[in-house]
Structures are given as C-alpha cells and as structure tokens.
C-alpha cells in the first residue's frame, strides 16, 4: 500500500455531509420516471404537474411523488400560480441533466472499451 499517496487522496475528499447532497442528486436521476420528468421540464420549461403527468404518461399522483423527490434533491423548483403548482428545473438540475445526457459520455465509454478490451456497460 502506498500510504502517503492514499492519505493525500483521502485528504482531498469532501466531508460526508458535503457528499450526501451529491448522492441525493445522483439517486434522483436514477429512476426512469424522474429522469423523464426532468427531460420534459428541460424541453418544455415551466409546467404544471398535470401537464407533466400527461407528457410522461403516468398518473398525476405518481408524478407528484417524483416531483417531490426531485425538489428535495434541488433539481426542480416549484411556484404557485393561482391553484396550479408550476415546476421547472433549477440551474443545478439543468447542469446535472446536461452532463448526464451529453453524447460524448457514451463515446468515451465505447472508446475506452475498445482500447482496454473491457466493456463496463
């Protein structure tokens, strides 16, 4: 074991309290329905829950559940307009979604698999 190197890497890592919100955001995009909702909000901008439910083809109750999860992860924000609750992506949600859906990601994985002979997908 290269203890000096391992210790120097360990010292650069953020505290667990700082990592937990990142893990929450990663988990938020880990569900296909939540990812579809985020993609719909990215494409359509601010929308009410009933429109989102129709777009993603799920019940309004299920979509509301997923919107709460996305909101808790600071990926979606909401505001009230009359009786409607309007949802939109936060800046953080937009950035995370763009990284997640960037086409170069799959190209990098494919190129790495060709070079190393290992397919991680």
PDB file of N, CA and C in Angstrom:
ATOM      1  N   UNK A   1       0.842  -1.172   0.000  1.00  0.00           N
ATOM      2  CA  UNK A   1       0.000   0.000   0.000  1.00  0.00           C
ATOM      3  C   UNK A   1       0.887   1.235   0.000  1.00  0.00           C
ATOM      4  N   UNK A   2       0.528   2.196  -0.838  1.00  0.00           N
ATOM      5  CA  UNK A   2       1.249   3.474  -0.899  1.00  0.00           C
ATOM      6  C   UNK A   2       0.537   4.447   0.042  1.00  0.00           C
ATOM      7  N   UNK A   3       0.861   4.339   1.329  1.00  0.00           N
ATOM      8  CA  UNK A   3       0.167   5.114   2.352  1.00  0.00           C
ATOM      9  C   UNK A   3       0.265   6.618   2.154  1.00  0.00           C
ATOM     10  N   UNK A   4       1.406   7.184   1.817  1.00  0.00           N
ATOM     11  CA  UNK A   4       1.443   8.634   1.610  1.00  0.00           C
ATOM     12  C   UNK A   4       0.510   9.091   0.480  1.00  0.00           C
ATOM     13  N   UNK A   5       0.498   8.347  -0.609  1.00  0.00           N
ATOM     14  CA  UNK A   5      -0.391   8.689  -1.723  1.00  0.00           C
ATOM     15  C   UNK A   5      -1.855   8.534  -1.314  1.00  0.00           C
ATOM     16  N   UNK A   6      -2.170   7.428  -0.666  1.00  0.00           N
ATOM     17  CA  UNK A   6      -3.544   7.177  -0.231  1.00  0.00           C
ATOM     18  C   UNK A   6      -4.009   8.265   0.742  1.00  0.00           C
ATOM     19  N   UNK A   7      -3.149   8.668   1.650  1.00  0.00           N
ATOM     20  CA  UNK A   7      -3.504   9.723   2.602  1.00  0.00           C
ATOM     21  C   UNK A   7      -3.697  11.070   1.900  1.00  0.00           C
ATOM     22  N   UNK A   8      -2.876  11.362   0.897  1.00  0.00           N
ATOM     23  CA  UNK A   8      -3.027  12.641   0.190  1.00  0.00           C
ATOM     24  C   UNK A   8      -4.335  12.674  -0.598  1.00  0.00           C
ATOM     25  N   UNK A   9      -4.725  11.543  -1.179  1.00  0.00           N
ATOM     26  CA  UNK A   9      -6.003  11.476  -1.885  1.00  0.00           C
ATOM     27  C   UNK A   9      -7.149  11.591  -0.893  1.00  0.00           C
ATOM     28  N   UNK A  10      -7.031  10.884   0.207  1.00  0.00           N
ATOM     29  CA  UNK A  10      -8.072  10.917   1.242  1.00  0.00           C
ATOM     30  C   UNK A  10      -8.291  12.335   1.768  1.00  0.00           C
ATOM     31  N   UNK A  11      -7.239  13.083   1.902  1.00  0.00           N
ATOM     32  CA  UNK A  11      -7.325  14.451   2.432  1.00  0.00           C
ATOM     33  C   UNK A  11      -8.056  15.392   1.475  1.00  0.00           C
ATOM     34  N   UNK A  12      -8.116  15.049   0.187  1.00  0.00           N
ATOM     35  CA  UNK A  12      -8.795  15.909  -0.787  1.00  0.00           C
ATOM     36  C   UNK A  12     -10.296  15.668  -0.853  1.00  0.00           C
ATOM     37  N   UNK A  13     -10.760  14.557  -0.282  1.00  0.00           N
ATOM     38  CA  UNK A  13     -12.177  14.213  -0.369  1.00  0.00           C
ATOM     39  C   UNK A  13     -13.009  15.115   0.533  1.00  0.00           C
ATOM     40  N   UNK A  14     -14.210  15.498   0.065  1.00  0.00           N
ATOM     41  CA  UNK A  14     -15.092  16.312   0.909  1.00  0.00           C
ATOM     42  C   UNK A  14     -15.651  15.493   2.072  1.00  0.00           C
ATOM     43  N   UNK A  15     -16.130  16.182   3.062  1.00  0.00           N
ATOM     44  CA  UNK A  15     -16.743  15.519   4.219  1.00  0.00           C
ATOM     45  C   UNK A  15     -18.025  14.819   3.792  1.00  0.00           C
ATOM     46  N   UNK A  16     -18.421  13.814   4.568  1.00  0.00           N
ATOM     47  CA  UNK A  16     -19.618  13.048   4.251  1.00  0.00           C
ATOM     48  C   UNK A  16     -20.845  13.950   4.132  1.00  0.00           C
ATOM     49  N   UNK A  17     -20.956  14.943   4.980  1.00  0.00           N
ATOM     50  CA  UNK A  17     -22.076  15.876   4.923  1.00  0.00           C
ATOM     51  C   UNK A  17     -22.138  16.638   3.614  1.00  0.00           C
ATOM     52  N   UNK A  18     -20.992  16.853   2.984  1.00  0.00           N
ATOM     53  CA  UNK A  18     -20.952  17.537   1.690  1.00  0.00           C
ATOM     54  C   UNK A  18     -21.232  16.582   0.530  1.00  0.00           C
ATOM     55  N   UNK A  19     -20.971  15.307   0.741  1.00  0.00           N
ATOM     56  CA  UNK A  19     -21.178  14.308  -0.310  1.00  0.00           C
ATOM     57  C   UNK A  19     -22.641  13.878  -0.398  1.00  0.00           C
ATOM     58  N   UNK A  20     -23.342  13.868   0.732  1.00  0.00           N
ATOM     59  CA  UNK A  20     -24.722  13.372   0.752  1.00  0.00           C
ATOM     60  C   UNK A  20     -25.645  14.096  -0.230  1.00  0.00           C
ATOM     61  N   UNK A  21     -25.603  15.437  -0.352  1.00  0.00           N
ATOM     62  CA  UNK A  21     -26.467  16.083  -1.359  1.00  0.00           C
ATOM     63  C   UNK A  21     -26.133  15.661  -2.790  1.00  0.00           C
ATOM     64  N   UNK A  22     -24.860  15.386  -3.056  1.00  0.00           N
ATOM     65  CA  UNK A  22     -24.476  14.908  -4.386  1.00  0.00           C
ATOM     66  C   UNK A  22     -25.052  13.524  -4.643  1.00  0.00           C
ATOM     67  N   UNK A  23     -25.000  12.679  -3.627  1.00  0.00           N
ATOM     68  CA  UNK A  23     -25.561  11.335  -3.764  1.00  0.00           C
ATOM     69  C   UNK A  23     -27.074  11.407  -3.949  1.00  0.00           C
ATOM     70  N   UNK A  24     -27.732  12.333  -3.240  1.00  0.00           N
ATOM     71  CA  UNK A  24     -29.173  12.510  -3.407  1.00  0.00           C
ATOM     72  C   UNK A  24     -29.513  12.906  -4.845  1.00  0.00           C
ATOM     73  N   UNK A  25     -28.727  13.808  -5.420  1.00  0.00           N
ATOM     74  CA  UNK A  25     -28.966  14.232  -6.806  1.00  0.00           C
ATOM     75  C   UNK A  25     -28.756  13.064  -7.768  1.00  0.00           C
ATOM     76  N   UNK A  26     -27.723  12.273  -7.527  1.00  0.00           N
ATOM     77  CA  UNK A  26     -27.471  11.117  -8.392  1.00  0.00           C
ATOM     78  C   UNK A  26     -28.624  10.117  -8.295  1.00  0.00           C
ATOM     79  N   UNK A  27     -29.121   9.882  -7.085  1.00  0.00           N
ATOM     80  CA  UNK A  27     -30.251   8.968  -6.903  1.00  0.00           C
ATOM     81  C   UNK A  27     -31.508   9.510  -7.567  1.00  0.00           C
ATOM     82  N   UNK A  28     -31.677  10.818  -7.528  1.00  0.00           N
ATOM     83  CA  UNK A  28     -32.875  11.427  -8.124  1.00  0.00           C
ATOM     84  C   UNK A  28     -32.957  11.119  -9.609  1.00  0.00           C
ATOM     85  N   UNK A  29     -31.833  11.104 -10.284  1.00  0.00           N
ATOM     86  CA  UNK A  29     -31.831  10.799 -11.713  1.00  0.00           C
ATOM     87  C   UNK A  29     -31.780   9.296 -11.977  1.00  0.00           C
ATOM     88  N   UNK A  30     -31.685   8.495 -10.926  1.00  0.00           N
ATOM     89  CA  UNK A  30     -31.580   7.049 -11.076  1.00  0.00           C
ATOM     90  C   UNK A  30     -32.894   6.355 -11.379  1.00  0.00           C
ATOM     91  N   UNK A  31     -34.004   7.070 -11.301  1.00  0.00           N
ATOM     92  CA  UNK A  31     -35.307   6.490 -11.592  1.00  0.00           C
ATOM     93  C   UNK A  31     -35.753   6.924 -12.987  1.00  0.00           C
ATOM     94  N   UNK A  32     -36.182   6.004 -13.836  1.00  0.00           N
ATOM     95  CA  UNK A  32     -36.572   6.373 -15.206  1.00  0.00           C
ATOM     96  C   UNK A  32     -37.689   7.418 -15.267  1.00  0.00           C
ATOM     97  N   UNK A  33     -38.651   7.336 -14.364  1.00  0.00           N
ATOM     98  CA  UNK A  33     -39.737   8.325 -14.383  1.00  0.00           C
ATOM     99  C   UNK A  33     -39.209   9.704 -14.016  1.00  0.00           C
ATOM    100  N   UNK A  34     -38.363   9.785 -12.994  1.00  0.00           N
ATOM    101  CA  UNK A  34     -37.803  11.091 -12.608  1.00  0.00           C
ATOM    102  C   UNK A  34     -36.920  11.661 -13.713  1.00  0.00           C
ATOM    103  N   UNK A  35     -36.157  10.807 -14.355  1.00  0.00           N
ATOM    104  CA  UNK A  35     -35.324  11.278 -15.458  1.00  0.00           C
ATOM    105  C   UNK A  35     -36.193  11.781 -16.606  1.00  0.00           C
ATOM    106  N   UNK A  36     -37.275  11.080 -16.904  1.00  0.00           N
ATOM    107  CA  UNK A  36     -38.197  11.514 -17.960  1.00  0.00           C
ATOM    108  C   UNK A  36     -38.846  12.845 -17.603  1.00  0.00           C
ATOM    109  N   UNK A  37     -39.225  13.013 -16.346  1.00  0.00           N
ATOM    110  CA  UNK A  37     -39.804  14.287 -15.898  1.00  0.00           C
ATOM    111  C   UNK A  37     -38.792  15.416 -16.080  1.00  0.00           C
ATOM    112  N   UNK A  38     -37.554  15.183 -15.689  1.00  0.00           N
ATOM    113  CA  UNK A  38     -36.512  16.211 -15.838  1.00  0.00           C
ATOM    114  C   UNK A  38     -36.284  16.541 -17.307  1.00  0.00           C
ATOM    115  N   UNK A  39     -36.277  15.533 -18.160  1.00  0.00           N
ATOM    116  CA  UNK A  39     -36.110  15.782 -19.597  1.00  0.00           C
ATOM    117  C   UNK A  39     -37.284  16.584 -20.151  1.00  0.00           C
ATOM    118  N   UNK A  40     -38.496  16.269 -19.685  1.00  0.00           N
ATOM    119  CA  UNK A  40     -39.676  17.019 -20.137  1.00  0.00           C
ATOM    120  C   UNK A  40     -39.593  18.475 -19.693  1.00  0.00           C
ATOM    121  N   UNK A  41     -39.187  18.712 -18.448  1.00  0.00           N
ATOM    122  CA  UNK A  41     -39.046  20.087 -17.959  1.00  0.00           C
ATOM    123  C   UNK A  41     -37.934  20.821 -18.696  1.00  0.00           C
ATOM    124  N   UNK A  42     -36.903  20.108 -19.042  1.00  0.00           N
ATOM    125  CA  UNK A  42     -35.807  20.718 -19.801  1.00  0.00           C
ATOM    126  C   UNK A  42     -36.293  21.150 -21.182  1.00  0.00           C
ATOM    127  N   UNK A  43     -37.124  20.324 -21.798  1.00  0.00           N
ATOM    128  CA  UNK A  43     -37.637  20.625 -23.139  1.00  0.00           C
ATOM    129  C   UNK A  43     -38.760  21.650 -23.113  1.00  0.00           C
ATOM    130  N   UNK A  44     -39.603  21.603 -22.076  1.00  0.00           N
ATOM    131  CA  UNK A  44     -40.804  22.424 -22.070  1.00  0.00           C
ATOM    132  C   UNK A  44     -40.788  23.628 -21.151  1.00  0.00           C
ATOM    133  N   UNK A  45     -39.750  23.767 -20.346  1.00  0.00           N
ATOM    134  CA  UNK A  45     -39.711  24.881 -19.404  1.00  0.00           C
ATOM    135  C   UNK A  45     -40.683  24.659 -18.260  1.00  0.00           C
ATOM    136  N   UNK A  46     -41.195  25.733 -17.716  1.00  0.00           N
ATOM    137  CA  UNK A  46     -42.091  25.671 -16.570  1.00  0.00           C
ATOM    138  C   UNK A  46     -43.430  25.050 -16.965  1.00  0.00           C
ATOM    139  N   UNK A  47     -43.874  24.051 -16.175  1.00  0.00           N
ATOM    140  CA  UNK A  47     -45.138  23.361 -16.462  1.00  0.00           C
ATOM    141  C   UNK A  47     -45.822  22.960 -15.170  1.00  0.00           C
ATOM    142  N   UNK A  48     -47.134  22.785 -15.261  1.00  0.00           N
ATOM    143  CA  UNK A  48     -47.889  22.300 -14.103  1.00  0.00           C
ATOM    144  C   UNK A  48     -47.790  20.774 -14.037  1.00  0.00           C
ATOM    145  N   UNK A  49     -48.057  20.235 -12.856  1.00  0.00           N
ATOM    146  CA  UNK A  49     -47.964  18.794 -12.644  1.00  0.00           C
ATOM    147  C   UNK A  49     -48.871  17.987 -13.545  1.00  0.00           C
ATOM    148  N   UNK A  50     -50.067  18.523 -13.856  1.00  0.00           N
ATOM    149  CA  UNK A  50     -50.989  17.764 -14.709  1.00  0.00           C
ATOM    150  C   UNK A  50     -50.455  17.650 -16.134  1.00  0.00           C
ATOM    151  N   UNK A  51     -49.811  18.708 -16.635  1.00  0.00           N
ATOM    152  CA  UNK A  51     -49.211  18.630 -17.970  1.00  0.00           C
ATOM    153  C   UNK A  51     -48.047  17.646 -17.976  1.00  0.00           C
ATOM    154  N   UNK A  52     -47.244  17.691 -16.928  1.00  0.00           N
ATOM    155  CA  UNK A  52     -46.096  16.771 -16.840  1.00  0.00           C
ATOM    156  C   UNK A  52     -46.595  15.332 -16.811  1.00  0.00           C
ATOM    157  N   UNK A  53     -47.639  15.068 -16.032  1.00  0.00           N
ATOM    158  CA  UNK A  53     -48.195  13.716 -15.947  1.00  0.00           C
ATOM    159  C   UNK A  53     -48.647  13.224 -17.319  1.00  0.00           C
ATOM    160  N   UNK A  54     -49.317  14.093 -18.078  1.00  0.00           N
ATOM    161  CA  UNK A  54     -49.777  13.702 -19.408  1.00  0.00           C
ATOM    162  C   UNK A  54     -48.592  13.442 -20.324  1.00  0.00           C
ATOM    163  N   UNK A  55     -47.586  14.318 -20.268  1.00  0.00           N
ATOM    164  CA  UNK A  55     -46.414  14.184 -21.145  1.00  0.00           C
ATOM    165  C   UNK A  55     -45.674  12.881 -20.881  1.00  0.00           C
ATOM    166  N   UNK A  56     -45.457  12.537 -19.621  1.00  0.00           N
ATOM    167  CA  UNK A  56     -44.678  11.330 -19.315  1.00  0.00           C
ATOM    168  C   UNK A  56     -45.532  10.065 -19.265  1.00  0.00           C
ATOM    169  N   UNK A  57     -46.872  10.227 -19.380  1.00  0.00           N
ATOM    170  CA  UNK A  57     -47.750   9.064 -19.436  1.00  0.00           C
ATOM    171  C   UNK A  57     -47.905   8.336 -18.118  1.00  0.00           C
ATOM    172  N   UNK A  58     -47.864   9.074 -17.033  1.00  0.00           N
ATOM    173  CA  UNK A  58     -48.022   8.480 -15.700  1.00  0.00           C
ATOM    174  C   UNK A  58     -49.130   9.207 -14.956  1.00  0.00           C
ATOM    175  N   UNK A  59     -49.610   8.619 -13.876  1.00  0.00           N
ATOM    176  CA  UNK A  59     -50.678   9.252 -13.091  1.00  0.00           C
ATOM    177  C   UNK A  59     -50.143  10.516 -12.416  1.00  0.00           C
ATOM    178  N   UNK A  60     -51.045  11.445 -12.170  1.00  0.00           N
ATOM    179  CA  UNK A  60     -50.649  12.693 -11.533  1.00  0.00           C
ATOM    180  C   UNK A  60     -50.120  12.441 -10.120  1.00  0.00           C
ATOM    181  N   UNK A  61     -50.699  11.467  -9.434  1.00  0.00           N
ATOM    182  CA  UNK A  61     -50.241  11.127  -8.085  1.00  0.00           C
ATOM    183  C   UNK A  61     -48.793  10.627  -8.115  1.00  0.00           C
ATOM    184  N   UNK A  62     -48.475   9.756  -9.066  1.00  0.00           N
ATOM    185  CA  UNK A  62     -47.108   9.235  -9.183  1.00  0.00           C
ATOM    186  C   UNK A  62     -46.144  10.348  -9.565  1.00  0.00           C
ATOM    187  N   UNK A  63     -46.538  11.190 -10.498  1.00  0.00           N
ATOM    188  CA  UNK A  63     -45.675  12.296 -10.926  1.00  0.00           C
ATOM    189  C   UNK A  63     -45.438  13.260  -9.768  1.00  0.00           C
ATOM    190  N   UNK A  64     -46.465  13.532  -8.979  1.00  0.00           N
ATOM    191  CA  UNK A  64     -46.298  14.403  -7.809  1.00  0.00           C
ATOM    192  C   UNK A  64     -45.284  13.827  -6.835  1.00  0.00           C
ATOM    193  N   UNK A  65     -45.350  12.519  -6.623  1.00  0.00           N
ATOM    194  CA  UNK A  65     -44.373  11.845  -5.759  1.00  0.00           C
ATOM    195  C   UNK A  65     -42.954  12.060  -6.281  1.00  0.00           C
ATOM    196  N   UNK A  66     -42.767  11.854  -7.573  1.00  0.00           N
ATOM    197  CA  UNK A  66     -41.434  12.005  -8.160  1.00  0.00           C
ATOM    198  C   UNK A  66     -40.988  13.468  -8.169  1.00  0.00           C
ATOM    199  N   UNK A  67     -41.906  14.377  -8.377  1.00  0.00           N
ATOM    200  CA  UNK A  67     -41.551  15.801  -8.328  1.00  0.00           C
ATOM    201  C   UNK A  67     -41.079  16.196  -6.932  1.00  0.00           C
ATOM    202  N   UNK A  68     -41.692  15.625  -5.894  1.00  0.00           N
ATOM    203  CA  UNK A  68     -41.221  15.893  -4.522  1.00  0.00           C
ATOM    204  C   UNK A  68     -39.793  15.408  -4.335  1.00  0.00           C
ATOM    205  N   UNK A  69     -39.483  14.243  -4.870  1.00  0.00           N
ATOM    206  CA  UNK A  69     -38.107  13.709  -4.773  1.00  0.00           C
ATOM    207  C   UNK A  69     -37.123  14.612  -5.515  1.00  0.00           C
ATOM    208  N   UNK A  70     -37.506  15.053  -6.710  1.00  0.00           N
ATOM    209  CA  UNK A  70     -36.641  15.944  -7.485  1.00  0.00           C
ATOM    210  C   UNK A  70     -36.466  17.289  -6.779  1.00  0.00           C
ATOM    211  N   UNK A  71     -37.510  17.753  -6.149  1.00  0.00           N
ATOM    212  CA  UNK A  71     -37.450  19.016  -5.420  1.00  0.00           C
ATOM    213  C   UNK A  71     -36.537  18.880  -4.201  1.00  0.00           C
ATOM    214  N   UNK A  72     -36.639  17.769  -3.491  1.00  0.00           N
ATOM    215  CA  UNK A  72     -35.796  17.520  -2.317  1.00  0.00           C
ATOM    216  C   UNK A  72     -34.319  17.466  -2.695  1.00  0.00           C
ATOM    217  N   UNK A  73     -34.021  17.040  -3.910  1.00  0.00           N
ATOM    218  CA  UNK A  73     -32.636  16.960  -4.388  1.00  0.00           C
ATOM    219  C   UNK A  73     -32.180  18.264  -5.038  1.00  0.00           C
ATOM    220  N   UNK A  74     -33.021  19.306  -4.959  1.00  0.00           N
ATOM    221  CA  UNK A  74     -32.713  20.618  -5.539  1.00  0.00           C
ATOM    222  C   UNK A  74     -32.495  20.538  -7.054  1.00  0.00           C
ATOM    223  N   UNK A  75     -33.279  19.702  -7.704  1.00  0.00           N
ATOM    224  CA  UNK A  75     -33.228  19.568  -9.158  1.00  0.00           C
ATOM    225  C   UNK A  75     -34.408  20.308  -9.782  1.00  0.00           C
ATOM    226  N   UNK A  76     -35.515  20.360  -9.041  1.00  0.00           N
ATOM    227  CA  UNK A  76     -36.733  21.021  -9.503  1.00  0.00           C
ATOM    228  C   UNK A  76     -37.156  22.046  -8.458  1.00  0.00           C
ATOM    229  N   UNK A  77     -37.737  23.122  -8.920  1.00  0.00           N
ATOM    230  CA  UNK A  77     -38.324  24.122  -8.036  1.00  0.00           C
ATOM    231  C   UNK A  77     -39.791  24.277  -8.398  1.00  0.00           C
ATOM    232  N   UNK A  78     -40.565  24.808  -7.478  1.00  0.00           N
ATOM    233  CA  UNK A  78     -41.994  24.983  -7.751  1.00  0.00           C
ATOM    234  C   UNK A  78     -42.449  26.362  -7.305  1.00  0.00           C
ATOM    235  N   UNK A  79     -43.519  26.808  -7.935  1.00  0.00           N
ATOM    236  CA  UNK A  79     -44.148  28.070  -7.542  1.00  0.00           C
ATOM    237  C   UNK A  79     -45.638  27.929  -7.790  1.00  0.00           C
ATOM    238  N   UNK A  80     -46.422  28.656  -7.039  1.00  0.00           N
ATOM    239  CA  UNK A  80     -47.875  28.578  -7.176  1.00  0.00           C
ATOM    240  C   UNK A  80     -48.359  29.718  -8.054  1.00  0.00           C
ATOM    241  N   UNK A  81     -49.188  29.365  -9.032  1.00  0.00           N
ATOM    242  CA  UNK A  81     -49.855  30.335  -9.898  1.00  0.00           C
ATOM    243  C   UNK A  81     -51.351  30.056  -9.785  1.00  0.00           C
ATOM    244  N   UNK A  82     -52.025  30.834  -8.956  1.00  0.00           N
ATOM    245  CA  UNK A  82     -53.436  30.547  -8.695  1.00  0.00           C
ATOM    246  C   UNK A  82     -53.548  29.217  -7.987  1.00  0.00           C
ATOM    247  N   UNK A  83     -54.330  28.303  -8.557  1.00  0.00           N
ATOM    248  CA  UNK A  83     -54.490  26.971  -7.972  1.00  0.00           C
ATOM    249  C   UNK A  83     -53.446  25.979  -8.480  1.00  0.00           C
ATOM    250  N   UNK A  84     -52.717  26.359  -9.522  1.00  0.00           N
ATOM    251  CA  UNK A  84     -51.742  25.453 -10.123  1.00  0.00           C
ATOM    252  C   UNK A  84     -50.371  25.583  -9.467  1.00  0.00           C
ATOM    253  N   UNK A  85     -49.705  24.468  -9.329  1.00  0.00           N
ATOM    254  CA  UNK A  85     -48.304  24.465  -8.905  1.00  0.00           C
ATOM    255  C   UNK A  85     -47.479  24.252 -10.161  1.00  0.00           C
ATOM    256  N   UNK A  86     -46.603  25.206 -10.432  1.00  0.00           N
ATOM    257  CA  UNK A  86     -45.771  25.157 -11.632  1.00  0.00           C
ATOM    258  C   UNK A  86     -44.367  24.665 -11.241  1.00  0.00           C
ATOM    259  N   UNK A  87     -43.807  23.806 -12.067  1.00  0.00           N
ATOM    260  CA  UNK A  87     -42.492  23.223 -11.809  1.00  0.00           C
ATOM    261  C   UNK A  87     -41.527  23.604 -12.913  1.00  0.00           C
ATOM    262  N   UNK A  88     -40.274  23.744 -12.529  1.00  0.00           N
ATOM    263  CA  UNK A  88     -39.217  23.985 -13.509  1.00  0.00           C
ATOM    264  C   UNK A  88     -37.908  23.434 -12.950  1.00  0.00           C
ATOM    265  N   UNK A  89     -36.964  23.197 -13.837  1.00  0.00           N
ATOM    266  CA  UNK A  89     -35.645  22.748 -13.403  1.00  0.00           C
ATOM    267  C   UNK A  89     -34.899  23.899 -12.747  1.00  0.00           C
ATOM    268  N   UNK A  90     -34.129  23.590 -11.733  1.00  0.00           N
ATOM    269  CA  UNK A  90     -33.219  24.570 -11.162  1.00  0.00           C
ATOM    270  C   UNK A  90     -31.997  24.661 -12.068  1.00  0.00           C
ATOM    271  N   UNK A  91     -31.165  25.646 -11.844  1.00  0.00           N
ATOM    272  CA  UNK A  91     -29.912  25.728 -12.602  1.00  0.00           C
ATOM    273  C   UNK A  91     -29.084  24.471 -12.370  1.00  0.00           C
ATOM    274  N   UNK A  92     -29.070  24.017 -11.135  1.00  0.00           N
ATOM    275  CA  UNK A  92     -28.328  22.795 -10.810  1.00  0.00           C
ATOM    276  C   UNK A  92     -28.904  21.607 -11.574  1.00  0.00           C
ATOM    277  N   UNK A  93     -30.229  21.499 -11.604  1.00  0.00           N
ATOM    278  CA  UNK A  93     -30.871  20.408 -12.329  1.00  0.00           C
ATOM    279  C   UNK A  93     -30.547  20.433 -13.808  1.00  0.00           C
ATOM    280  N   UNK A  94     -30.545  21.629 -14.387  1.00  0.00           N
ATOM    281  CA  UNK A  94     -30.210  21.775 -15.809  1.00  0.00           C
ATOM    282  C   UNK A  94     -28.771  21.341 -16.066  1.00  0.00           C
ATOM    283  N   UNK A  95     -27.862  21.767 -15.212  1.00  0.00           N
ATOM    284  CA  UNK A  95     -26.438  21.398 -15.386  1.00  0.00           C
ATOM    285  C   UNK A  95     -26.242  19.893 -15.241  1.00  0.00           C
ATOM    286  N   UNK A  96     -26.832  19.317 -14.202  1.00  0.00           N
ATOM    287  CA  UNK A  96     -26.684  17.873 -13.996  1.00  0.00           C
ATOM    288  C   UNK A  96     -27.280  17.077 -15.146  1.00  0.00           C
ATOM    289  N   UNK A  97     -28.429  17.504 -15.620  1.00  0.00           N
ATOM    290  CA  UNK A  97     -29.074  16.815 -16.737  1.00  0.00           C
ATOM    291  C   UNK A  97     -28.234  16.915 -17.999  1.00  0.00           C
ATOM    292  N   UNK A  98     -27.627  18.067 -18.234  1.00  0.00           N
ATOM    293  CA  UNK A  98     -26.800  18.216 -19.440  1.00  0.00           C
ATOM    294  C   UNK A  98     -25.568  17.320 -19.379  1.00  0.00           C
ATOM    295  N   UNK A  99     -24.990  17.177 -18.203  1.00  0.00           N
ATOM    296  CA  UNK A  99     -23.840  16.282 -18.053  1.00  0.00           C
ATOM    297  C   UNK A  99     -24.273  14.836 -18.262  1.00  0.00           C
ATOM    298  N   UNK A 100     -25.407  14.492 -17.679  1.00  0.00           N
ATOM    299  CA  UNK A 100     -25.906  13.123 -17.765  1.00  0.00           C
ATOM    300  C   UNK A 100     -26.267  12.721 -19.184  1.00  0.00           C
ATOM    301  N   UNK A 101     -26.778  13.647 -19.962  1.00  0.00           N
ATOM    302  CA  UNK A 101     -27.255  13.320 -21.311  1.00  0.00           C
ATOM    303  C   UNK A 101     -26.277  13.704 -22.412  1.00  0.00           C
ATOM    304  N   UNK A 102     -25.085  14.147 -22.034  1.00  0.00           N
ATOM    305  CA  UNK A 102     -24.098  14.546 -23.037  1.00  0.00           C
ATOM    306  C   UNK A 102     -23.717  13.353 -23.909  1.00  0.00           C
ATOM    307  N   UNK A 103     -23.752  13.517 -25.232  1.00  0.00           N
ATOM    308  CA  UNK A 103     -23.451  12.390 -26.120  1.00  0.00           C
ATOM    309  C   UNK A 103     -22.024  11.895 -26.003  1.00  0.00           C
ATOM    310  N   UNK A 104     -21.103  12.747 -25.600  1.00  0.00           N
ATOM    311  CA  UNK A 104     -19.704  12.335 -25.518  1.00  0.00           C
ATOM    312  C   UNK A 104     -19.487  11.279 -24.448  1.00  0.00           C
ATOM    313  N   UNK A 105     -20.362  11.186 -23.466  1.00  0.00           N
ATOM    314  CA  UNK A 105     -20.214  10.205 -22.396  1.00  0.00           C
ATOM    315  C   UNK A 105     -20.228   8.789 -22.944  1.00  0.00           C
ATOM    316  N   UNK A 106     -21.180   8.469 -23.812  1.00  0.00           N
ATOM    317  CA  UNK A 106     -21.239   7.119 -24.361  1.00  0.00           C
ATOM    318  C   UNK A 106     -20.070   6.865 -25.295  1.00  0.00           C
ATOM    319  N   UNK A 107     -19.621   7.900 -26.011  1.00  0.00           N
ATOM    320  CA  UNK A 107     -18.468   7.738 -26.889  1.00  0.00           C
ATOM    321  C   UNK A 107     -17.207   7.437 -26.088  1.00  0.00           C
ATOM    322  N   UNK A 108     -17.058   8.086 -24.940  1.00  0.00           N
ATOM    323  CA  UNK A 108     -15.894   7.837 -24.097  1.00  0.00           C
ATOM    324  C   UNK A 108     -15.914   6.405 -23.605  1.00  0.00           C
ATOM    325  N   UNK A 109     -17.072   5.925 -23.148  1.00  0.00           N
ATOM    326  CA  UNK A 109     -17.173   4.550 -22.658  1.00  0.00           C
ATOM    327  C   UNK A 109     -16.866   3.557 -23.775  1.00  0.00           C
ATOM    328  N   UNK A 110     -17.378   3.806 -24.980  1.00  0.00           N
ATOM    329  CA  UNK A 110     -17.133   2.918 -26.110  1.00  0.00           C
ATOM    330  C   UNK A 110     -15.659   2.926 -26.488  1.00  0.00           C
ATOM    331  N   UNK A 111     -15.059   4.112 -26.541  1.00  0.00           N
ATOM    332  CA  UNK A 111     -13.644   4.220 -26.876  1.00  0.00           C
ATOM    333  C   UNK A 111     -12.783   3.518 -25.847  1.00  0.00           C
ATOM    334  N   UNK A 112     -13.119   3.690 -24.566  1.00  0.00           N
ATOM    335  CA  UNK A 112     -12.356   3.049 -23.502  1.00  0.00           C
ATOM    336  C   UNK A 112     -12.468   1.541 -23.614  1.00  0.00           C
ATOM    337  N   UNK A 113     -13.655   1.040 -23.927  1.00  0.00           N
ATOM    338  CA  UNK A 113     -13.846  -0.404 -24.068  1.00  0.00           C
ATOM    339  C   UNK A 113     -13.010  -0.947 -25.222  1.00  0.00           C
ATOM    340  N   UNK A 114     -12.932  -0.193 -26.323  1.00  0.00           N
ATOM    341  CA  UNK A 114     -12.135  -0.630 -27.467  1.00  0.00           C
ATOM    342  C   UNK A 114     -10.649  -0.652 -27.128  1.00  0.00           C
ATOM    343  N   UNK A 115     -10.204   0.358 -26.384  1.00  0.00           N
ATOM    344  CA  UNK A 115      -8.790   0.458 -26.041  1.00  0.00           C
ATOM    345  C   UNK A 115      -8.401  -0.620 -25.036  1.00  0.00           C
ATOM    346  N   UNK A 116      -9.238  -0.791 -23.996  1.00  0.00           N
ATOM    347  CA  UNK A 116      -8.878  -1.713 -22.904  1.00  0.00           C
ATOM    348  C   UNK A 116      -9.382  -3.123 -23.149  1.00  0.00           C
ATOM    349  N   UNK A 117     -10.343  -3.271 -24.068  1.00  0.00           N
ATOM    350  CA  UNK A 117     -10.926  -4.583 -24.284  1.00  0.00           C
ATOM    351  C   UNK A 117     -11.943  -4.948 -23.208  1.00  0.00           C
ATOM    352  N   UNK A 118     -12.307  -3.970 -22.362  1.00  0.00           N
ATOM    353  CA  UNK A 118     -13.249  -4.212 -21.273  1.00  0.00           C
ATOM    354  C   UNK A 118     -14.491  -3.373 -21.510  1.00  0.00           C
ATOM    355  N   UNK A 119     -15.649  -4.020 -21.474  1.00  0.00           N
ATOM    356  CA  UNK A 119     -16.910  -3.305 -21.625  1.00  0.00           C
ATOM    357  C   UNK A 119     -17.558  -3.185 -20.252  1.00  0.00           C
ATOM    358  N   UNK A 120     -17.660  -1.950 -19.747  1.00  0.00           N
ATOM    359  CA  UNK A 120     -18.232  -1.718 -18.428  1.00  0.00           C
ATOM    360  C   UNK A 120     -19.730  -1.503 -18.481  1.00  0.00           C
ATOM    361  N   UNK A 121     -20.336  -1.537 -19.645  1.00  0.00           N
ATOM    362  CA  UNK A 121     -21.744  -1.217 -19.772  1.00  0.00           C
ATOM    363  C   UNK A 121     -22.601  -2.403 -19.698  1.00  0.00           C
TER     364      UNK A 121
END
